[in-house]
Amino acid sequence: MGAFESCFGDNNEVATPDPEVRRQQMLDAAERRKKESEERGIKNPERVKEQQRKKKEAEDLAAQHTGVNSGGLKWQVH
């Protein structure tokens, strides 16, 4: 092994990036992994997001309508 060390030089230092650069790289990698895992098995991720948005809007609208008559009881005067 000693013969190969002379080919690579005497540089024993390993270049490590600045902690802030390393933190940003780790953050980017985590975001990329999260996005890939969310899209796994989905052919059209934009369509899924649109469907989720529409479903949430429908749920919000239903909650607004049921909030007016909450409890399900109505007064009847005879």
N, C-alpha and C. Protein backbone atom coordinates (compact mmCIF):
# COMPACT_ATOMS: atom_id res chain seq x y z
N MET A 1 0.82 -1.19 0.00
CA MET A 1 0.00 0.00 0.00
C MET A 1 0.86 1.25 0.00
N GLY A 2 2.04 1.16 0.54
CA GLY A 2 2.92 2.32 0.62
C GLY A 2 3.27 2.87 -0.75
N ALA A 3 3.30 2.01 -1.75
CA ALA A 3 3.65 2.45 -3.09
C ALA A 3 2.56 3.33 -3.68
N PHE A 4 1.32 3.11 -3.30
CA PHE A 4 0.22 3.88 -3.85
C PHE A 4 0.09 5.25 -3.18
N GLU A 5 0.55 5.37 -1.96
CA GLU A 5 0.43 6.64 -1.26
C GLU A 5 1.23 7.72 -1.95
N SER A 6 2.36 7.38 -2.53
CA SER A 6 3.19 8.39 -3.17
C SER A 6 2.52 8.92 -4.44
N CYS A 7 1.65 8.16 -5.06
CA CYS A 7 0.95 8.61 -6.26
C CYS A 7 -0.08 9.68 -5.94
N PHE A 8 -0.68 9.57 -4.77
CA PHE A 8 -1.73 10.50 -4.42
C PHE A 8 -1.22 11.72 -3.67
N GLY A 9 0.00 11.75 -3.35
CA GLY A 9 0.58 12.89 -2.65
C GLY A 9 0.51 12.71 -1.15
N ASP A 10 1.02 13.70 -0.43
CA ASP A 10 1.06 13.63 1.02
C ASP A 10 -0.09 14.41 1.65
N ASN A 11 -1.10 14.67 0.90
CA ASN A 11 -2.23 15.44 1.41
C ASN A 11 -3.14 14.51 2.22
N ASN A 12 -3.02 14.56 3.52
CA ASN A 12 -3.82 13.71 4.39
C ASN A 12 -5.12 14.39 4.82
N GLU A 13 -5.30 15.64 4.43
CA GLU A 13 -6.50 16.38 4.82
C GLU A 13 -7.67 16.01 3.92
N VAL A 14 -8.82 15.87 4.53
CA VAL A 14 -10.04 15.63 3.78
C VAL A 14 -10.79 16.95 3.74
N ALA A 15 -11.13 17.37 2.55
CA ALA A 15 -11.81 18.67 2.40
C ALA A 15 -13.23 18.56 2.95
N THR A 16 -13.50 19.28 4.04
CA THR A 16 -14.84 19.31 4.61
C THR A 16 -15.43 20.69 4.36
N PRO A 17 -16.68 20.73 3.93
CA PRO A 17 -17.28 22.02 3.65
C PRO A 17 -17.59 22.78 4.95
N ASP A 18 -17.81 24.03 4.79
CA ASP A 18 -18.20 24.90 5.90
C ASP A 18 -19.46 24.34 6.55
N PRO A 19 -19.61 24.42 7.86
CA PRO A 19 -20.82 23.85 8.51
C PRO A 19 -22.13 24.40 7.94
N GLU A 20 -22.16 25.67 7.57
CA GLU A 20 -23.39 26.24 7.00
C GLU A 20 -23.68 25.64 5.62
N VAL A 21 -22.63 25.43 4.81
CA VAL A 21 -22.80 24.81 3.49
C VAL A 21 -23.27 23.37 3.68
N ARG A 22 -22.66 22.67 4.61
CA ARG A 22 -23.05 21.27 4.88
C ARG A 22 -24.50 21.18 5.34
N ARG A 23 -24.92 22.12 6.21
CA ARG A 23 -26.29 22.15 6.70
C ARG A 23 -27.28 22.37 5.55
N GLN A 24 -26.93 23.28 4.64
CA GLN A 24 -27.79 23.55 3.49
C GLN A 24 -27.88 22.34 2.57
N GLN A 25 -26.75 21.65 2.37
CA GLN A 25 -26.76 20.45 1.54
C GLN A 25 -27.64 19.37 2.16
N MET A 26 -27.57 19.22 3.47
CA MET A 26 -28.39 18.23 4.15
C MET A 26 -29.87 18.59 4.07
N LEU A 27 -30.18 19.88 4.18
CA LEU A 27 -31.55 20.33 4.07
C LEU A 27 -32.10 20.07 2.67
N ASP A 28 -31.31 20.38 1.65
CA ASP A 28 -31.73 20.13 0.27
C ASP A 28 -31.97 18.64 0.03
N ALA A 29 -31.07 17.81 0.54
CA ALA A 29 -31.22 16.36 0.35
C ALA A 29 -32.48 15.85 1.06
N ALA A 30 -32.76 16.37 2.25
CA ALA A 30 -33.95 15.94 2.98
C ALA A 30 -35.22 16.35 2.25
N GLU A 31 -35.24 17.57 1.71
CA GLU A 31 -36.41 18.04 0.95
C GLU A 31 -36.61 17.19 -0.30
N ARG A 32 -35.51 16.85 -0.97
CA ARG A 32 -35.60 16.04 -2.17
C ARG A 32 -36.14 14.64 -1.85
N ARG A 33 -35.65 14.05 -0.75
CA ARG A 33 -36.15 12.73 -0.34
C ARG A 33 -37.62 12.79 0.03
N LYS A 34 -38.04 13.84 0.71
CA LYS A 34 -39.44 13.99 1.10
C LYS A 34 -40.33 14.09 -0.14
N LYS A 35 -39.91 14.90 -1.10
CA LYS A 35 -40.69 15.07 -2.33
C LYS A 35 -40.78 13.75 -3.09
N GLU A 36 -39.66 13.04 -3.18
CA GLU A 36 -39.66 11.76 -3.90
C GLU A 36 -40.56 10.74 -3.21
N SER A 37 -40.56 10.73 -1.89
CA SER A 37 -41.40 9.75 -1.19
C SER A 37 -42.88 10.11 -1.31
N GLU A 38 -43.20 11.41 -1.36
CA GLU A 38 -44.59 11.82 -1.55
C GLU A 38 -45.11 11.44 -2.92
N GLU A 39 -44.24 11.48 -3.92
CA GLU A 39 -44.65 11.22 -5.29
C GLU A 39 -44.51 9.75 -5.69
N ARG A 40 -44.01 8.93 -4.79
CA ARG A 40 -43.80 7.52 -5.11
C ARG A 40 -45.14 6.85 -5.42
N GLY A 41 -45.24 6.23 -6.58
CA GLY A 41 -46.45 5.52 -6.97
C GLY A 41 -47.52 6.40 -7.58
N ILE A 42 -47.26 7.68 -7.73
CA ILE A 42 -48.24 8.60 -8.30
C ILE A 42 -47.78 8.99 -9.69
N LYS A 43 -48.65 8.78 -10.67
CA LYS A 43 -48.27 9.10 -12.05
C LYS A 43 -48.33 10.60 -12.31
N ASN A 44 -49.34 11.26 -11.73
CA ASN A 44 -49.49 12.69 -11.95
C ASN A 44 -49.66 13.39 -10.60
N PRO A 45 -48.55 13.82 -9.98
CA PRO A 45 -48.64 14.42 -8.65
C PRO A 45 -49.43 15.72 -8.61
N GLU A 46 -49.41 16.48 -9.68
CA GLU A 46 -50.16 17.75 -9.72
C GLU A 46 -51.66 17.47 -9.64
N ARG A 47 -52.12 16.43 -10.29
CA ARG A 47 -53.54 16.08 -10.27
C ARG A 47 -53.97 15.68 -8.86
N VAL A 48 -53.11 14.94 -8.18
CA VAL A 48 -53.41 14.52 -6.81
C VAL A 48 -53.50 15.74 -5.90
N LYS A 49 -52.58 16.68 -6.05
CA LYS A 49 -52.61 17.89 -5.23
C LYS A 49 -53.89 18.68 -5.48
N GLU A 50 -54.30 18.75 -6.74
CA GLU A 50 -55.54 19.46 -7.09
C GLU A 50 -56.75 18.76 -6.46
N GLN A 51 -56.78 17.44 -6.49
CA GLN A 51 -57.88 16.69 -5.88
C GLN A 51 -57.91 16.91 -4.37
N GLN A 52 -56.75 16.93 -3.74
CA GLN A 52 -56.69 17.17 -2.31
C GLN A 52 -57.19 18.57 -1.97
N ARG A 53 -56.83 19.55 -2.80
CA ARG A 53 -57.27 20.93 -2.58
C ARG A 53 -58.79 21.03 -2.70
N LYS A 54 -59.35 20.40 -3.73
CA LYS A 54 -60.80 20.43 -3.93
C LYS A 54 -61.53 19.74 -2.78
N LYS A 55 -60.98 18.63 -2.31
CA LYS A 55 -61.60 17.91 -1.20
C LYS A 55 -61.61 18.76 0.06
N LYS A 56 -60.51 19.46 0.32
CA LYS A 56 -60.43 20.33 1.49
C LYS A 56 -61.42 21.48 1.38
N GLU A 57 -61.55 22.06 0.19
CA GLU A 57 -62.51 23.14 -0.01
C GLU A 57 -63.93 22.65 0.23
N ALA A 58 -64.24 21.45 -0.25
CA ALA A 58 -65.58 20.89 -0.05
C ALA A 58 -65.84 20.64 1.44
N GLU A 59 -64.84 20.15 2.15
CA GLU A 59 -64.99 19.92 3.59
C GLU A 59 -65.19 21.23 4.34
N ASP A 60 -64.44 22.26 3.95
CA ASP A 60 -64.59 23.56 4.58
C ASP A 60 -65.98 24.14 4.33
N LEU A 61 -66.46 24.00 3.11
CA LEU A 61 -67.78 24.51 2.76
C LEU A 61 -68.86 23.76 3.54
N ALA A 62 -68.72 22.44 3.68
CA ALA A 62 -69.67 21.65 4.44
C ALA A 62 -69.65 22.05 5.92
N ALA A 63 -68.47 22.34 6.44
CA ALA A 63 -68.34 22.74 7.84
C ALA A 63 -69.01 24.10 8.06
N GLN A 64 -68.94 24.98 7.09
CA GLN A 64 -69.59 26.29 7.22
C GLN A 64 -71.10 26.14 7.25
N HIS A 65 -71.64 25.26 6.44
CA HIS A 65 -73.09 25.07 6.38
C HIS A 65 -73.61 24.37 7.63
N THR A 66 -72.87 23.43 8.16
CA THR A 66 -73.32 22.73 9.36
C THR A 66 -73.12 23.60 10.59
N GLY A 67 -72.22 24.56 10.53
CA GLY A 67 -71.98 25.44 11.67
C GLY A 67 -73.17 26.34 11.97
N VAL A 68 -74.00 26.66 10.99
CA VAL A 68 -75.15 27.52 11.19
C VAL A 68 -76.20 26.82 12.03
N ASN A 69 -76.48 25.58 11.76
CA ASN A 69 -77.49 24.80 12.49
C ASN A 69 -76.81 23.75 13.36
N SER A 70 -75.86 24.16 14.14
CA SER A 70 -75.12 23.18 14.95
C SER A 70 -76.05 22.57 16.00
N GLY A 71 -75.83 21.32 16.29
CA GLY A 71 -76.64 20.63 17.27
C GLY A 71 -77.77 19.84 16.64
N GLY A 72 -78.25 20.25 15.51
CA GLY A 72 -79.31 19.52 14.82
C GLY A 72 -80.70 19.74 15.42
N LEU A 73 -80.84 20.60 16.42
CA LEU A 73 -82.14 20.84 17.03
C LEU A 73 -82.75 22.13 16.46
N LYS A 74 -84.02 22.10 16.19
CA LYS A 74 -84.71 23.29 15.68
C LYS A 74 -85.89 23.60 16.60
N TRP A 75 -86.14 24.85 16.79
CA TRP A 75 -87.28 25.29 17.60
C TRP A 75 -88.54 25.24 16.76
N GLN A 76 -89.57 24.75 17.36
CA GLN A 76 -90.88 24.76 16.70
C GLN A 76 -91.87 25.46 17.62
N VAL A 77 -92.54 26.43 17.06
CA VAL A 77 -93.54 27.16 17.85
C VAL A 77 -94.91 26.81 17.31
N HIS A 78 -95.86 26.38 18.23
CA HIS A 78 -97.21 26.02 17.81
C HIS A 78 -98.18 27.03 18.28
